[in-house]
Amino acid sequence: MSTGRLESFSDGVIAVAITLLVLSIAVPDPSHTPHLGHALGTRWPTYAAYVTSFLTIGIIWINHHVMINRLARADHSILILNLVLLLTIGVIPFGTSLFAAYLRQGHGENLAAGIYGGILLAMALAFSALNRQILFRRTHLLQSAPSLERRKRIFGRSVSGIPPYVLAPIASSIGFAEG
């Protein structure tokens, strides 16, 4: 399969996911909001979660583009791993909304943080699996194969993002437990 079709489909899914993020940002109801500034200020968790997830999906999109551009063509294994990656990207808006909604509720925030972190971790693992497949198992599909050392450096940079996705929910749950 051409990488153009793979990238076009992926861009579409990523665009929908990034667009869905904004739907969790609700306009305060004027009939129940005497002070608009205060109402907007109390919704900071939604804004923070939106910005975090928007930037995360944006970085995924950039890195996905770079990763797919290394390919001359894609095979079945790459298509399947790409679908798994897109599956995880597609649920980021749900995790974002869940986390923002429960961040200051006094109940459920640990589970919400764990689910959000788990979604981001699953995305990072899926991205790494696809990148590994491309860089090490399907080198014959690359436009030009970089040296093994170069491929190891590229892969090392991509997996360096995994530890923060593991640590963030742990740190959040510690912070919620103390706060």
N, C-alpha and C. Protein backbone atom coordinates (compact mmCIF):
# COMPACT_ATOMS: atom_id res chain seq x y z
N MET A 1 0.85 -1.18 0.00
CA MET A 1 0.00 0.00 0.00
C MET A 1 0.89 1.23 0.00
N SER A 2 0.41 2.26 -0.65
CA SER A 2 1.17 3.51 -0.67
C SER A 2 1.12 4.16 0.70
N THR A 3 2.18 4.85 1.01
CA THR A 3 2.20 5.55 2.30
C THR A 3 1.27 6.76 2.28
N GLY A 4 0.95 7.26 1.08
CA GLY A 4 0.03 8.39 0.98
C GLY A 4 -1.34 8.08 1.54
N ARG A 5 -1.85 6.89 1.20
CA ARG A 5 -3.16 6.50 1.73
C ARG A 5 -3.10 6.29 3.24
N LEU A 6 -2.03 5.65 3.70
CA LEU A 6 -1.84 5.42 5.14
C LEU A 6 -1.80 6.74 5.88
N GLU A 7 -1.02 7.68 5.36
CA GLU A 7 -0.89 8.96 6.03
C GLU A 7 -2.18 9.78 5.96
N SER A 8 -2.88 9.73 4.84
CA SER A 8 -4.15 10.47 4.72
C SER A 8 -5.18 9.96 5.71
N PHE A 9 -5.32 8.64 5.81
CA PHE A 9 -6.27 8.07 6.76
C PHE A 9 -5.86 8.45 8.19
N SER A 10 -4.58 8.31 8.49
CA SER A 10 -4.09 8.64 9.84
C SER A 10 -4.32 10.11 10.15
N ASP A 11 -4.04 10.99 9.18
CA ASP A 11 -4.26 12.42 9.39
C ASP A 11 -5.73 12.70 9.70
N GLY A 12 -6.64 11.99 9.02
CA GLY A 12 -8.06 12.17 9.27
C GLY A 12 -8.45 11.79 10.68
N VAL A 13 -7.97 10.64 11.14
CA VAL A 13 -8.29 10.18 12.50
C VAL A 13 -7.70 11.14 13.53
N ILE A 14 -6.47 11.54 13.31
CA ILE A 14 -5.81 12.47 14.24
C ILE A 14 -6.54 13.81 14.25
N ALA A 15 -6.96 14.29 13.10
CA ALA A 15 -7.69 15.56 13.03
C ALA A 15 -9.01 15.48 13.78
N VAL A 16 -9.70 14.37 13.66
CA VAL A 16 -10.97 14.21 14.39
C VAL A 16 -10.69 14.18 15.89
N ALA A 17 -9.68 13.45 16.32
CA ALA A 17 -9.36 13.37 17.75
C ALA A 17 -9.02 14.74 18.32
N ILE A 18 -8.21 15.49 17.60
CA ILE A 18 -7.80 16.81 18.10
C ILE A 18 -9.00 17.77 18.11
N THR A 19 -9.91 17.59 17.17
CA THR A 19 -11.12 18.42 17.12
C THR A 19 -12.07 18.07 18.26
N LEU A 20 -12.19 16.79 18.57
CA LEU A 20 -13.08 16.37 19.65
C LEU A 20 -12.67 16.94 21.00
N LEU A 21 -11.40 17.24 21.17
CA LEU A 21 -10.94 17.80 22.44
C LEU A 21 -11.68 19.07 22.82
N VAL A 22 -11.94 19.92 21.85
CA VAL A 22 -12.55 21.21 22.14
C VAL A 22 -14.01 21.06 22.59
N LEU A 23 -14.63 19.95 22.24
CA LEU A 23 -16.04 19.77 22.61
C LEU A 23 -16.24 19.64 24.12
N SER A 24 -15.17 19.32 24.86
CA SER A 24 -15.31 19.23 26.31
C SER A 24 -15.23 20.60 26.98
N ILE A 25 -14.95 21.63 26.21
CA ILE A 25 -14.90 22.98 26.75
C ILE A 25 -16.27 23.63 26.56
N ALA A 26 -17.03 23.66 27.64
CA ALA A 26 -18.40 24.18 27.58
C ALA A 26 -18.43 25.66 27.93
N VAL A 27 -19.31 26.37 27.28
CA VAL A 27 -19.54 27.78 27.60
C VAL A 27 -20.40 27.82 28.87
N PRO A 28 -20.02 28.63 29.86
CA PRO A 28 -20.85 28.73 31.08
C PRO A 28 -22.26 29.21 30.74
N ASP A 29 -23.23 28.63 31.42
CA ASP A 29 -24.63 28.99 31.21
C ASP A 29 -24.88 30.38 31.81
N PRO A 30 -25.25 31.37 30.97
CA PRO A 30 -25.45 32.73 31.48
C PRO A 30 -26.54 32.83 32.54
N SER A 31 -27.54 31.95 32.49
CA SER A 31 -28.62 32.04 33.47
C SER A 31 -28.18 31.52 34.84
N HIS A 32 -27.07 30.79 34.92
CA HIS A 32 -26.58 30.26 36.19
C HIS A 32 -25.20 30.82 36.54
N THR A 33 -24.76 31.84 35.81
CA THR A 33 -23.41 32.36 36.00
C THR A 33 -23.46 33.87 36.17
N PRO A 34 -23.53 34.33 37.42
CA PRO A 34 -23.57 35.79 37.61
C PRO A 34 -22.23 36.46 37.29
N HIS A 35 -21.12 35.73 37.43
CA HIS A 35 -19.80 36.30 37.19
C HIS A 35 -19.06 35.42 36.19
N LEU A 36 -19.03 35.87 34.94
CA LEU A 36 -18.42 35.09 33.87
C LEU A 36 -16.95 34.80 34.15
N GLY A 37 -16.21 35.78 34.60
CA GLY A 37 -14.78 35.59 34.89
C GLY A 37 -14.55 34.48 35.90
N HIS A 38 -15.36 34.47 36.96
CA HIS A 38 -15.24 33.43 37.98
C HIS A 38 -15.59 32.06 37.39
N ALA A 39 -16.67 32.02 36.63
CA ALA A 39 -17.09 30.74 36.02
C ALA A 39 -16.02 30.20 35.09
N LEU A 40 -15.41 31.08 34.31
CA LEU A 40 -14.32 30.64 33.42
C LEU A 40 -13.11 30.18 34.23
N GLY A 41 -12.81 30.89 35.28
CA GLY A 41 -11.66 30.54 36.12
C GLY A 41 -11.80 29.20 36.81
N THR A 42 -13.02 28.83 37.19
CA THR A 42 -13.21 27.55 37.87
C THR A 42 -13.06 26.37 36.92
N ARG A 43 -13.02 26.64 35.64
CA ARG A 43 -12.90 25.57 34.64
C ARG A 43 -11.46 25.35 34.18
N TRP A 44 -10.50 25.83 34.97
CA TRP A 44 -9.10 25.69 34.59
C TRP A 44 -8.69 24.25 34.34
N PRO A 45 -9.22 23.25 35.06
CA PRO A 45 -8.78 21.88 34.75
C PRO A 45 -9.12 21.47 33.31
N THR A 46 -10.26 21.93 32.82
CA THR A 46 -10.65 21.61 31.45
C THR A 46 -9.68 22.25 30.47
N TYR A 47 -9.31 23.50 30.73
CA TYR A 47 -8.39 24.19 29.82
C TYR A 47 -7.00 23.54 29.86
N ALA A 48 -6.54 23.21 31.06
CA ALA A 48 -5.21 22.59 31.19
C ALA A 48 -5.17 21.23 30.51
N ALA A 49 -6.23 20.44 30.70
CA ALA A 49 -6.28 19.12 30.06
C ALA A 49 -6.35 19.26 28.54
N TYR A 50 -7.11 20.25 28.07
CA TYR A 50 -7.21 20.50 26.63
C TYR A 50 -5.84 20.83 26.04
N VAL A 51 -5.15 21.77 26.64
CA VAL A 51 -3.84 22.18 26.11
C VAL A 51 -2.87 21.01 26.14
N THR A 52 -2.84 20.27 27.23
CA THR A 52 -1.94 19.12 27.34
C THR A 52 -2.23 18.09 26.26
N SER A 53 -3.49 17.75 26.09
CA SER A 53 -3.86 16.73 25.10
C SER A 53 -3.69 17.25 23.68
N PHE A 54 -4.00 18.52 23.44
CA PHE A 54 -3.82 19.10 22.11
C PHE A 54 -2.35 19.03 21.72
N LEU A 55 -1.47 19.45 22.62
CA LEU A 55 -0.03 19.40 22.33
C LEU A 55 0.45 17.96 22.15
N THR A 56 -0.07 17.04 22.97
CA THR A 56 0.32 15.63 22.85
C THR A 56 -0.08 15.09 21.48
N ILE A 57 -1.32 15.31 21.08
CA ILE A 57 -1.78 14.81 19.78
C ILE A 57 -1.01 15.51 18.65
N GLY A 58 -0.74 16.80 18.81
CA GLY A 58 0.04 17.52 17.81
C GLY A 58 1.44 16.94 17.64
N ILE A 59 2.07 16.60 18.74
CA ILE A 59 3.41 15.98 18.69
C ILE A 59 3.32 14.59 18.06
N ILE A 60 2.29 13.85 18.40
CA ILE A 60 2.09 12.53 17.77
C ILE A 60 1.97 12.71 16.25
N TRP A 61 1.17 13.69 15.82
CA TRP A 61 0.97 13.92 14.39
C TRP A 61 2.29 14.23 13.69
N ILE A 62 3.09 15.12 14.29
CA ILE A 62 4.39 15.47 13.70
C ILE A 62 5.29 14.23 13.62
N ASN A 63 5.40 13.50 14.73
CA ASN A 63 6.28 12.33 14.75
C ASN A 63 5.77 11.22 13.84
N HIS A 64 4.46 11.07 13.74
CA HIS A 64 3.88 10.07 12.84
C HIS A 64 4.25 10.40 11.40
N HIS A 65 4.16 11.66 11.04
CA HIS A 65 4.51 12.11 9.70
C HIS A 65 5.98 11.76 9.39
N VAL A 66 6.86 12.05 10.31
CA VAL A 66 8.28 11.75 10.12
C VAL A 66 8.49 10.24 9.99
N MET A 67 7.84 9.47 10.84
CA MET A 67 7.98 8.02 10.84
C MET A 67 7.48 7.42 9.52
N ILE A 68 6.32 7.83 9.06
CA ILE A 68 5.74 7.27 7.83
C ILE A 68 6.52 7.73 6.60
N ASN A 69 7.09 8.93 6.65
CA ASN A 69 7.88 9.42 5.51
C ASN A 69 9.16 8.62 5.29
N ARG A 70 9.55 7.84 6.27
CA ARG A 70 10.73 6.97 6.08
C ARG A 70 10.40 5.80 5.16
N LEU A 71 9.11 5.49 5.03
CA LEU A 71 8.69 4.31 4.27
C LEU A 71 8.54 4.60 2.78
N ALA A 72 8.90 3.61 1.97
CA ALA A 72 8.59 3.64 0.54
C ALA A 72 7.19 3.09 0.32
N ARG A 73 6.83 2.10 1.12
CA ARG A 73 5.49 1.51 1.08
C ARG A 73 5.22 0.83 2.41
N ALA A 74 3.97 0.47 2.63
CA ALA A 74 3.57 -0.17 3.90
C ALA A 74 3.05 -1.57 3.62
N ASP A 75 3.27 -2.46 4.57
CA ASP A 75 2.72 -3.81 4.46
C ASP A 75 1.61 -4.00 5.50
N HIS A 76 1.06 -5.19 5.53
CA HIS A 76 -0.07 -5.50 6.42
C HIS A 76 0.29 -5.24 7.89
N SER A 77 1.47 -5.65 8.31
CA SER A 77 1.84 -5.48 9.73
C SER A 77 1.90 -4.00 10.10
N ILE A 78 2.39 -3.18 9.21
CA ILE A 78 2.46 -1.75 9.49
C ILE A 78 1.05 -1.15 9.55
N LEU A 79 0.19 -1.60 8.66
CA LEU A 79 -1.20 -1.11 8.68
C LEU A 79 -1.91 -1.47 9.98
N ILE A 80 -1.71 -2.70 10.44
CA ILE A 80 -2.35 -3.14 11.68
C ILE A 80 -1.81 -2.36 12.88
N LEU A 81 -0.48 -2.22 12.96
CA LEU A 81 0.10 -1.47 14.07
C LEU A 81 -0.32 0.00 14.02
N ASN A 82 -0.46 0.55 12.82
CA ASN A 82 -0.93 1.92 12.69
C ASN A 82 -2.38 2.05 13.18
N LEU A 83 -3.21 1.05 12.87
CA LEU A 83 -4.60 1.07 13.37
C LEU A 83 -4.64 1.03 14.90
N VAL A 84 -3.77 0.24 15.50
CA VAL A 84 -3.71 0.19 16.96
C VAL A 84 -3.32 1.57 17.51
N LEU A 85 -2.34 2.20 16.88
CA LEU A 85 -1.95 3.55 17.29
C LEU A 85 -3.13 4.51 17.16
N LEU A 86 -3.83 4.47 16.05
CA LEU A 86 -4.98 5.36 15.84
C LEU A 86 -6.09 5.08 16.85
N LEU A 87 -6.27 3.83 17.22
CA LEU A 87 -7.25 3.47 18.25
C LEU A 87 -6.95 4.20 19.55
N THR A 88 -5.67 4.19 19.94
CA THR A 88 -5.30 4.85 21.19
C THR A 88 -5.43 6.37 21.08
N ILE A 89 -5.11 6.93 19.92
CA ILE A 89 -5.27 8.38 19.73
C ILE A 89 -6.75 8.76 19.80
N GLY A 90 -7.60 7.91 19.25
CA GLY A 90 -9.03 8.18 19.22
C GLY A 90 -9.68 8.28 20.59
N VAL A 91 -9.10 7.65 21.61
CA VAL A 91 -9.70 7.71 22.95
C VAL A 91 -9.06 8.79 23.84
N ILE A 92 -8.07 9.49 23.32
CA ILE A 92 -7.47 10.58 24.11
C ILE A 92 -8.51 11.63 24.49
N PRO A 93 -9.44 12.04 23.60
CA PRO A 93 -10.44 13.02 24.03
C PRO A 93 -11.30 12.53 25.21
N PHE A 94 -11.64 11.25 25.22
CA PHE A 94 -12.40 10.71 26.36
C PHE A 94 -11.57 10.82 27.65
N GLY A 95 -10.32 10.38 27.59
CA GLY A 95 -9.45 10.45 28.78
C GLY A 95 -9.25 11.88 29.25
N THR A 96 -9.14 12.79 28.32
CA THR A 96 -8.97 14.21 28.64
C THR A 96 -10.19 14.74 29.38
N SER A 97 -11.37 14.47 28.84
CA SER A 97 -12.61 14.94 29.47
C SER A 97 -12.80 14.31 30.85
N LEU A 98 -12.52 13.03 30.96
CA LEU A 98 -12.66 12.32 32.23
C LEU A 98 -11.74 12.93 33.29
N PHE A 99 -10.48 13.10 32.91
CA PHE A 99 -9.50 13.65 33.85
C PHE A 99 -9.88 15.06 34.28
N ALA A 100 -10.26 15.91 33.32
CA ALA A 100 -10.64 17.29 33.65
C ALA A 100 -11.87 17.33 34.55
N ALA A 101 -12.83 16.46 34.29
CA ALA A 101 -14.07 16.46 35.07
C ALA A 101 -13.84 16.04 36.52
N TYR A 102 -12.91 15.11 36.75
CA TYR A 102 -12.72 14.58 38.11
C TYR A 102 -11.53 15.17 38.84
N LEU A 103 -10.78 16.06 38.19
CA LEU A 103 -9.56 16.58 38.78
C LEU A 103 -9.77 17.20 40.16
N ARG A 104 -10.87 17.93 40.35
CA ARG A 104 -11.09 18.61 41.64
C ARG A 104 -12.36 18.16 42.33
N GLN A 105 -12.84 16.98 42.06
CA GLN A 105 -14.12 16.53 42.63
C GLN A 105 -14.01 15.98 44.04
N GLY A 106 -12.82 15.56 44.44
CA GLY A 106 -12.69 14.97 45.77
C GLY A 106 -12.98 13.48 45.77
N HIS A 107 -13.35 12.93 44.63
CA HIS A 107 -13.56 11.49 44.48
C HIS A 107 -13.32 11.13 43.02
N GLY A 108 -12.72 10.00 42.79
CA GLY A 108 -12.52 9.52 41.44
C GLY A 108 -11.33 10.10 40.70
N GLU A 109 -10.66 11.09 41.31
CA GLU A 109 -9.56 11.73 40.59
C GLU A 109 -8.38 10.78 40.35
N ASN A 110 -8.11 9.87 41.28
CA ASN A 110 -7.01 8.92 41.08
C ASN A 110 -7.30 7.99 39.92
N LEU A 111 -8.51 7.47 39.88
CA LEU A 111 -8.88 6.58 38.79
C LEU A 111 -8.88 7.33 37.46
N ALA A 112 -9.42 8.54 37.45
CA ALA A 112 -9.43 9.35 36.22
C ALA A 112 -8.01 9.63 35.74
N ALA A 113 -7.11 9.97 36.66
CA ALA A 113 -5.71 10.21 36.30
C ALA A 113 -5.07 8.93 35.77
N GLY A 114 -5.40 7.81 36.40
CA GLY A 114 -4.85 6.53 35.95
C GLY A 114 -5.34 6.15 34.56
N ILE A 115 -6.62 6.40 34.29
CA ILE A 115 -7.17 6.10 32.96
C ILE A 115 -6.55 7.00 31.91
N TYR A 116 -6.46 8.29 32.21
CA TYR A 116 -5.85 9.23 31.27
C TYR A 116 -4.39 8.85 31.01
N GLY A 117 -3.66 8.59 32.08
CA GLY A 117 -2.26 8.18 31.93
C GLY A 117 -2.13 6.86 31.19
N GLY A 118 -3.06 5.93 31.47
CA GLY A 118 -3.04 4.64 30.79
C GLY A 118 -3.28 4.78 29.29
N ILE A 119 -4.18 5.68 28.92
CA ILE A 119 -4.45 5.93 27.50
C ILE A 119 -3.19 6.49 26.83
N LEU A 120 -2.55 7.46 27.49
CA LEU A 120 -1.34 8.04 26.91
C LEU A 120 -0.19 7.03 26.87
N LEU A 121 -0.11 6.18 27.88
CA LEU A 121 0.91 5.13 27.87
C LEU A 121 0.64 4.13 26.74
N ALA A 122 -0.61 3.74 26.57
CA ALA A 122 -0.96 2.82 25.47
C ALA A 122 -0.61 3.44 24.13
N MET A 123 -0.87 4.75 23.98
CA MET A 123 -0.51 5.44 22.74
C MET A 123 0.99 5.40 22.52
N ALA A 124 1.76 5.69 23.56
CA ALA A 124 3.23 5.70 23.44
C ALA A 124 3.76 4.31 23.10
N LEU A 125 3.18 3.29 23.71
CA LEU A 125 3.61 1.91 23.42
C LEU A 125 3.24 1.51 21.99
N ALA A 126 2.06 1.91 21.54
CA ALA A 126 1.64 1.61 20.17
C ALA A 126 2.53 2.34 19.16
N PHE A 127 2.85 3.59 19.45
CA PHE A 127 3.75 4.35 18.58
C PHE A 127 5.11 3.66 18.51
N SER A 128 5.62 3.26 19.66
CA SER A 128 6.93 2.59 19.71
C SER A 128 6.91 1.26 18.97
N ALA A 129 5.83 0.52 19.10
CA ALA A 129 5.73 -0.77 18.39
C ALA A 129 5.74 -0.55 16.88
N LEU A 130 5.01 0.46 16.41
CA LEU A 130 5.00 0.76 14.98
C LEU A 130 6.37 1.24 14.52
N ASN A 131 6.98 2.11 15.29
CA ASN A 131 8.31 2.61 14.95
C ASN A 131 9.34 1.47 14.92
N ARG A 132 9.25 0.57 15.88
CA ARG A 132 10.16 -0.58 15.92
C ARG A 132 9.98 -1.46 14.68
N GLN A 133 8.73 -1.69 14.32
CA GLN A 133 8.44 -2.50 13.14
C GLN A 133 9.08 -1.88 11.90
N ILE A 134 8.92 -0.58 11.76
CA ILE A 134 9.45 0.13 10.59
C ILE A 134 10.98 0.14 10.61
N LEU A 135 11.57 0.47 11.75
CA LEU A 135 13.02 0.66 11.82
C LEU A 135 13.84 -0.63 11.86
N PHE A 136 13.25 -1.72 12.38
CA PHE A 136 14.06 -2.93 12.58
C PHE A 136 13.53 -4.18 11.88
N ARG A 137 12.24 -4.28 11.73
CA ARG A 137 11.68 -5.52 11.17
C ARG A 137 11.27 -5.39 9.70
N ARG A 138 11.08 -4.17 9.24
CA ARG A 138 10.65 -3.97 7.85
C ARG A 138 11.57 -2.98 7.15
N THR A 139 12.86 -3.13 7.37
CA THR A 139 13.82 -2.20 6.76
C THR A 139 13.76 -2.24 5.24
N HIS A 140 13.33 -3.37 4.67
CA HIS A 140 13.21 -3.47 3.21
C HIS A 140 12.11 -2.55 2.65
N LEU A 141 11.25 -2.03 3.53
CA LEU A 141 10.19 -1.12 3.10
C LEU A 141 10.60 0.35 3.22
N LEU A 142 11.77 0.60 3.79
CA LEU A 142 12.24 1.97 3.95
C LEU A 142 12.68 2.55 2.62
N GLN A 143 12.51 3.87 2.46
CA GLN A 143 12.99 4.54 1.25
C GLN A 143 14.50 4.39 1.13
N SER A 144 15.19 4.62 2.22
CA SER A 144 16.62 4.35 2.32
C SER A 144 16.89 4.00 3.78
N ALA A 145 17.54 2.89 3.97
CA ALA A 145 17.77 2.40 5.33
C ALA A 145 18.95 3.11 5.98
N PRO A 146 18.68 3.87 7.04
CA PRO A 146 19.81 4.45 7.79
C PRO A 146 20.62 3.33 8.43
N SER A 147 21.79 3.66 8.88
CA SER A 147 22.62 2.67 9.56
C SER A 147 21.89 2.14 10.80
N LEU A 148 22.31 0.98 11.26
CA LEU A 148 21.72 0.40 12.45
C LEU A 148 21.87 1.35 13.64
N GLU A 149 23.02 1.97 13.77
CA GLU A 149 23.23 2.92 14.87
C GLU A 149 22.25 4.09 14.79
N ARG A 150 22.04 4.60 13.62
CA ARG A 150 21.09 5.71 13.43
C ARG A 150 19.68 5.27 13.77
N ARG A 151 19.29 4.07 13.33
CA ARG A 151 17.95 3.56 13.64
C ARG A 151 17.79 3.36 15.14
N LYS A 152 18.83 2.91 15.82
CA LYS A 152 18.77 2.74 17.28
C LYS A 152 18.60 4.09 17.97
N ARG A 153 19.28 5.13 17.48
CA ARG A 153 19.14 6.46 18.07
C ARG A 153 17.72 7.00 17.86
N ILE A 154 17.20 6.82 16.65
CA ILE A 154 15.82 7.26 16.36
C ILE A 154 14.85 6.55 17.29
N PHE A 155 15.00 5.25 17.41
CA PHE A 155 14.09 4.48 18.27
C PHE A 155 14.26 4.87 19.74
N GLY A 156 15.49 5.07 20.15
CA GLY A 156 15.75 5.48 21.55
C GLY A 156 15.07 6.78 21.90
N ARG A 157 15.10 7.74 20.97
CA ARG A 157 14.41 9.01 21.21
C ARG A 157 12.90 8.79 21.32
N SER A 158 12.37 7.89 20.49
CA SER A 158 10.91 7.70 20.52
C SER A 158 10.46 7.01 21.80
N VAL A 159 11.23 6.09 22.33
CA VAL A 159 10.80 5.41 23.56
C VAL A 159 11.13 6.22 24.81
N SER A 160 11.93 7.27 24.65
CA SER A 160 12.24 8.10 25.82
C SER A 160 11.00 8.82 26.34
N GLY A 161 9.95 8.89 25.55
CA GLY A 161 8.71 9.51 25.99
C GLY A 161 7.83 8.60 26.85
N ILE A 162 8.17 7.33 26.92
CA ILE A 162 7.34 6.39 27.68
C ILE A 162 7.41 6.62 29.20
N PRO A 163 8.60 6.78 29.80
CA PRO A 163 8.64 6.95 31.27
C PRO A 163 7.75 8.07 31.82
N PRO A 164 7.67 9.24 31.18
CA PRO A 164 6.76 10.25 31.73
C PRO A 164 5.30 9.80 31.76
N TYR A 165 4.89 8.99 30.77
CA TYR A 165 3.52 8.49 30.76
C TYR A 165 3.29 7.47 31.86
N VAL A 166 4.34 6.81 32.30
CA VAL A 166 4.24 5.88 33.42
C VAL A 166 4.22 6.66 34.74
N LEU A 167 5.09 7.66 34.84
CA LEU A 167 5.25 8.40 36.09
C LEU A 167 4.16 9.43 36.37
N ALA A 168 3.60 10.03 35.33
CA ALA A 168 2.61 11.10 35.54
C ALA A 168 1.40 10.65 36.35
N PRO A 169 0.76 9.51 36.03
CA PRO A 169 -0.39 9.11 36.85
C PRO A 169 0.01 8.77 38.29
N ILE A 170 1.21 8.24 38.47
CA ILE A 170 1.68 7.93 39.83
C ILE A 170 1.86 9.22 40.61
N ALA A 171 2.52 10.20 39.99
CA ALA A 171 2.72 11.49 40.65
C ALA A 171 1.39 12.18 40.93
N SER A 172 0.44 12.09 39.98
CA SER A 172 -0.86 12.70 40.17
C SER A 172 -1.59 12.07 41.34
N SER A 173 -1.55 10.73 41.42
CA SER A 173 -2.27 10.06 42.49
C SER A 173 -1.64 10.37 43.85
N ILE A 174 -0.33 10.55 43.90
CA ILE A 174 0.33 10.95 45.15
C ILE A 174 -0.12 12.36 45.53
N GLY A 175 -0.15 13.25 44.53
CA GLY A 175 -0.59 14.62 44.78
C GLY A 175 -2.02 14.68 45.24
N PHE A 176 -2.91 13.85 44.66
CA PHE A 176 -4.32 13.82 45.06
C PHE A 176 -4.46 13.25 46.46
N ALA A 177 -3.63 12.26 46.78
CA ALA A 177 -3.71 11.64 48.10
C ALA A 177 -3.31 12.64 49.19
N GLU A 178 -2.31 13.49 48.89
CA GLU A 178 -1.84 14.46 49.87
C GLU A 178 -2.76 15.67 49.93
N GLY A 179 -3.34 16.05 48.76
CA GLY A 179 -4.17 17.26 48.70
C GLY A 179 -5.52 16.97 49.14
